[in-house]
Amino acid sequence: MLAFGLAWQSCQVARDVARAPADVVRETGEALAGIAERFRSGRITTTFTSELPRLLPGDALLEVAAVEAPETVRREDTRATFFELLPLGTTVSEIRTVVTYRYHLALSDEWRLEERDGVCYVYAPRLRPSQPPAIHTDRMEKHAQSGWARFDAVEQLAALEKDLTPLLAARAMAPERLALVREPARRKVASFVRSFLLREDHWRAGRFTAIVVTFADEPPATAPRPPTLKLGELQ
């Protein structure tokens, strides 16, 4: 009986050992299937947006670009008297400085990701300027000149300086400013999404090998956009 008991226990252990690899394979397959399911085109956006708080903890903004530019703000004030018949001259005020414009994306805006043929297509929110712009006061130059019958150069210059910040804030969305930062911003967003794909083990051969980024404020492309970032490229 003792021998029979030992033999039965040995067979039971052998069956458990034989079944264990199958269980591991099945559980691993189920886990991989669950991961793949989260990255179907219909679900990848939900997966990405649900991970945003962990990707950028404590911050609702993703800064994507910055550009430093020289700026000149000039104002001319012309006055006359006697029913505009007698000109009093023109007071010219001018401020030159250097400004750093920064741009970000709001994580609360709409994001959309799609998967097609191993490419992750990212439809990101529009670029927003971070306000106010950073004015380098240590590099500021001021100049004012009064007309022949004007004595308000100091006052006009002070008024211009008071309006400097809102004037420069309005320039932040000028087309030439956006043109300078759009491509660096595109690369920044691609790198950000790449970090998400790496975290989920989907940035590799056989899964995603390229990322294409389009901003919401861009006109529709007339031709397919080239990859913003490809597998193997340096960051």
Protein backbone atom coordinates (compact mmCIF):
# COMPACT_ATOMS: atom_id res chain seq x y z
CA MET A 1 0.00 0.00 0.00
CA LEU A 2 2.83 2.35 0.84
CA ALA A 3 4.47 1.62 -2.51
CA PHE A 4 1.16 2.16 -4.30
CA GLY A 5 0.68 5.49 -2.53
CA LEU A 6 4.12 6.71 -3.50
CA ALA A 7 3.60 5.65 -7.09
CA TRP A 8 0.20 7.45 -7.31
CA GLN A 9 1.71 10.65 -5.87
CA SER A 10 4.55 10.52 -8.39
CA CYS A 11 2.07 10.20 -11.27
CA GLN A 12 0.04 13.14 -9.94
CA VAL A 13 3.15 15.32 -9.73
CA ALA A 14 4.13 14.32 -13.27
CA ARG A 15 0.70 15.28 -14.57
CA ASP A 16 0.91 18.67 -12.79
CA VAL A 17 4.38 19.31 -14.21
CA ALA A 18 3.20 18.39 -17.69
CA ARG A 19 0.17 20.68 -17.37
CA ALA A 20 2.13 23.67 -15.98
CA PRO A 21 3.80 24.75 -19.29
CA ALA A 22 0.44 24.55 -21.03
CA ASP A 23 -1.11 26.78 -18.35
CA VAL A 24 1.74 29.27 -18.68
CA VAL A 25 1.40 29.33 -22.47
CA ARG A 26 -2.36 29.81 -22.21
CA GLU A 27 -2.08 32.60 -19.60
CA THR A 28 0.68 34.32 -21.60
CA GLY A 29 -1.40 34.09 -24.76
CA GLU A 30 -4.39 35.57 -22.97
CA ALA A 31 -2.26 38.43 -21.64
CA LEU A 32 -0.82 39.16 -25.09
CA ALA A 33 -4.27 39.03 -26.62
CA GLY A 34 -5.46 41.53 -24.01
CA ILE A 35 -2.57 43.88 -24.83
CA ALA A 36 -3.22 43.58 -28.56
CA GLU A 37 -6.92 44.25 -28.01
CA ARG A 38 -6.11 47.55 -26.28
CA PHE A 39 -4.22 48.68 -29.37
CA ARG A 40 -6.81 48.05 -32.03
CA SER A 41 -7.57 51.21 -34.01
CA GLY A 42 -10.91 51.53 -32.26
CA ARG A 43 -9.37 51.35 -28.80
CA ILE A 44 -5.89 52.80 -29.04
CA THR A 45 -7.12 56.36 -28.43
CA THR A 46 -8.86 55.30 -25.22
CA THR A 47 -5.75 53.41 -24.13
CA PHE A 48 -3.54 56.43 -24.80
CA THR A 49 -5.76 59.03 -23.10
CA SER A 50 -6.18 56.81 -20.05
CA GLU A 51 -2.38 56.71 -19.70
CA LEU A 52 -1.86 60.50 -20.00
CA PRO A 53 -2.01 61.19 -16.22
CA ARG A 54 0.80 58.67 -15.71
CA LEU A 55 2.84 59.90 -18.67
CA LEU A 56 2.65 63.52 -17.45
CA PRO A 57 1.82 63.34 -13.74
CA GLY A 58 0.55 66.57 -12.22
CA ASP A 59 0.63 68.53 -15.49
CA ALA A 60 -2.14 69.17 -18.00
CA LEU A 61 0.15 70.74 -20.60
CA LEU A 62 2.79 69.22 -22.86
CA GLU A 63 5.37 71.82 -23.84
CA VAL A 64 6.51 71.01 -27.36
CA ALA A 65 8.59 73.93 -28.66
CA ALA A 66 10.28 77.24 -27.88
CA VAL A 67 11.80 79.89 -30.12
CA GLU A 68 13.79 83.02 -29.30
CA ALA A 69 13.23 85.98 -31.59
CA PRO A 70 14.22 89.67 -31.72
CA GLU A 71 11.19 91.95 -31.67
CA THR A 72 10.68 95.63 -32.42
CA VAL A 73 7.52 97.45 -31.33
CA ARG A 74 7.08 100.92 -32.78
CA ARG A 75 4.34 103.50 -32.37
CA GLU A 76 3.87 106.89 -34.03
CA ASP A 77 1.51 109.51 -32.63
CA THR A 78 0.72 112.49 -34.85
CA ARG A 79 -1.28 115.48 -33.66
CA ALA A 80 -2.46 118.81 -35.02
CA THR A 81 -4.41 121.84 -33.77
CA PHE A 82 -6.62 124.58 -35.15
CA PHE A 83 -9.07 122.14 -36.74
CA GLU A 84 -6.21 119.88 -37.84
CA LEU A 85 -4.71 122.71 -39.88
CA LEU A 86 -1.57 123.21 -37.79
CA PRO A 87 0.52 120.05 -37.37
CA LEU A 88 2.30 119.69 -34.03
CA GLY A 89 4.59 116.95 -35.19
CA THR A 90 4.88 113.20 -34.57
CA THR A 91 6.19 111.49 -31.46
CA VAL A 92 7.89 108.20 -32.27
CA SER A 93 8.33 105.52 -29.58
CA GLU A 94 10.24 102.30 -30.16
CA ILE A 95 11.21 99.32 -28.03
CA ARG A 96 13.57 96.59 -29.15
CA THR A 97 13.97 93.40 -27.17
CA VAL A 98 14.39 89.63 -27.39
CA VAL A 99 11.41 87.39 -26.67
CA THR A 100 11.14 83.67 -26.00
CA TYR A 101 7.89 82.20 -27.30
CA ARG A 102 6.86 78.81 -25.90
CA TYR A 103 4.21 76.49 -27.27
CA HIS A 104 2.27 73.62 -25.76
CA LEU A 105 -0.55 71.16 -26.31
CA ALA A 106 -3.41 70.82 -23.84
CA LEU A 107 -3.92 67.24 -22.72
CA SER A 108 -7.58 68.04 -22.11
CA ASP A 109 -8.07 68.75 -25.84
CA GLU A 110 -9.04 65.98 -28.22
CA TRP A 111 -6.38 63.41 -29.14
CA ARG A 112 -6.93 60.64 -31.69
CA LEU A 113 -4.64 57.73 -32.52
CA GLU A 114 -5.05 55.21 -35.32
CA GLU A 115 -3.17 52.06 -36.32
CA ARG A 116 -2.61 51.22 -39.98
CA ASP A 117 0.02 48.80 -41.31
CA GLY A 118 2.33 49.17 -38.35
CA VAL A 119 2.13 52.98 -38.35
CA CYS A 120 0.71 54.95 -35.43
CA TYR A 121 -1.12 57.99 -36.79
CA VAL A 122 -1.40 60.70 -34.15
CA TYR A 123 -3.95 63.49 -34.56
CA ALA A 124 -2.85 65.95 -31.90
CA PRO A 125 -4.54 69.14 -30.63
CA ARG A 126 -3.63 72.49 -32.10
CA LEU A 127 -0.52 74.35 -30.99
CA ARG A 128 -1.16 76.92 -28.27
CA PRO A 129 1.21 79.69 -27.15
CA SER A 130 2.18 79.71 -23.49
CA GLN A 131 1.24 83.16 -22.27
CA PRO A 132 2.69 85.58 -21.49
CA PRO A 133 5.81 85.35 -23.64
CA ALA A 134 9.13 85.72 -21.84
CA ILE A 135 10.51 89.21 -22.48
CA HIS A 136 14.26 89.55 -21.91
CA THR A 137 14.28 92.91 -20.13
CA ASP A 138 18.07 92.78 -19.78
CA ARG A 139 18.31 93.02 -23.59
CA MET A 140 15.73 95.74 -24.04
CA GLU A 141 16.44 99.01 -25.85
CA LYS A 142 14.07 101.99 -25.70
CA HIS A 143 13.95 105.08 -27.88
CA ALA A 144 11.53 108.00 -28.15
CA GLN A 145 11.58 111.24 -30.17
CA SER A 146 9.10 114.13 -29.97
CA GLY A 147 7.73 116.24 -32.78
CA TRP A 148 8.68 119.91 -33.07
CA ALA A 149 5.81 121.09 -30.83
CA ARG A 150 5.45 117.95 -28.71
CA PHE A 151 6.84 117.35 -25.23
CA ASP A 152 5.36 113.91 -24.45
CA ALA A 153 8.11 111.53 -25.51
CA VAL A 154 8.49 110.08 -22.00
CA GLU A 155 4.74 109.55 -21.60
CA GLN A 156 4.39 107.95 -25.05
CA LEU A 157 7.28 105.57 -24.37
CA ALA A 158 5.80 104.59 -20.99
CA ALA A 159 2.46 103.87 -22.65
CA LEU A 160 4.13 101.71 -25.28
CA GLU A 161 6.01 99.75 -22.63
CA LYS A 162 2.75 99.16 -20.76
CA ASP A 163 1.23 97.66 -23.90
CA LEU A 164 4.31 95.62 -24.76
CA THR A 165 3.21 92.29 -23.25
CA PRO A 166 -0.23 92.11 -24.92
CA LEU A 167 1.26 93.23 -28.24
CA LEU A 168 3.85 90.46 -28.15
CA ALA A 169 1.29 87.92 -26.94
CA ALA A 170 -0.72 88.62 -30.08
CA ARG A 171 2.37 87.96 -32.22
CA ALA A 172 2.82 84.50 -30.72
CA MET A 173 0.26 83.01 -33.12
CA ALA A 174 1.59 84.77 -36.21
CA PRO A 175 2.09 82.34 -39.14
CA GLU A 176 5.82 82.98 -39.25
CA ARG A 177 6.17 82.09 -35.57
CA LEU A 178 4.18 78.85 -35.98
CA ALA A 179 6.24 77.94 -39.04
CA LEU A 180 9.40 78.09 -36.92
CA VAL A 181 8.10 75.77 -34.20
CA ARG A 182 5.77 73.37 -36.00
CA GLU A 183 8.33 70.76 -37.06
CA PRO A 184 10.20 70.69 -33.71
CA ALA A 185 6.79 70.41 -32.03
CA ARG A 186 5.86 67.52 -34.33
CA ARG A 187 9.02 65.65 -33.35
CA LYS A 188 8.34 66.32 -29.67
CA VAL A 189 4.85 64.85 -29.92
CA ALA A 190 6.18 61.80 -31.78
CA SER A 191 8.78 61.26 -29.06
CA PHE A 192 6.05 61.58 -26.43
CA VAL A 193 3.88 58.96 -28.14
CA ARG A 194 6.93 56.75 -28.63
CA SER A 195 7.45 56.76 -24.85
CA PHE A 196 3.88 55.55 -24.46
CA LEU A 197 4.38 52.76 -27.01
CA LEU A 198 7.65 51.70 -25.36
CA ARG A 199 5.91 51.54 -22.01
CA GLU A 200 3.30 49.23 -23.52
CA ASP A 201 5.92 47.16 -25.42
CA HIS A 202 4.51 48.17 -28.79
CA TRP A 203 7.47 50.13 -30.23
CA ARG A 204 9.26 47.27 -31.96
CA ALA A 205 9.39 45.21 -35.11
CA GLY A 206 6.12 43.45 -35.66
CA ARG A 207 4.09 46.18 -33.97
CA PHE A 208 4.59 49.93 -34.47
CA THR A 209 7.63 50.96 -36.50
CA ALA A 210 6.70 54.56 -37.38
CA ILE A 211 4.72 57.52 -36.04
CA VAL A 212 3.04 60.22 -38.12
CA VAL A 213 1.86 63.38 -36.33
CA THR A 214 -0.73 65.85 -37.59
CA PHE A 215 -1.94 68.92 -35.67
CA ALA A 216 -5.57 69.96 -35.52
CA ASP A 217 -4.79 73.44 -36.87
CA GLU A 218 -3.06 72.14 -40.01
CA PRO A 219 -4.84 72.10 -43.37
CA PRO A 220 -5.56 68.66 -44.84
CA ALA A 221 -2.47 67.20 -46.47
CA THR A 222 -2.57 66.83 -50.25
CA ALA A 223 -0.24 63.81 -50.03
CA PRO A 224 0.53 61.24 -47.31
CA ARG A 225 2.71 62.76 -44.62
CA PRO A 226 6.14 61.17 -44.23
CA PRO A 227 6.89 59.44 -40.93
CA THR A 228 7.69 61.90 -38.15
CA LEU A 229 9.66 59.22 -36.34
CA LYS A 230 10.77 55.75 -37.40
CA LEU A 231 11.99 52.75 -35.45
CA GLY A 232 15.74 52.95 -34.90
CA GLU A 233 16.04 56.73 -35.24
CA LEU A 234 17.89 58.64 -32.55
CA GLN A 235 15.81 60.90 -30.32
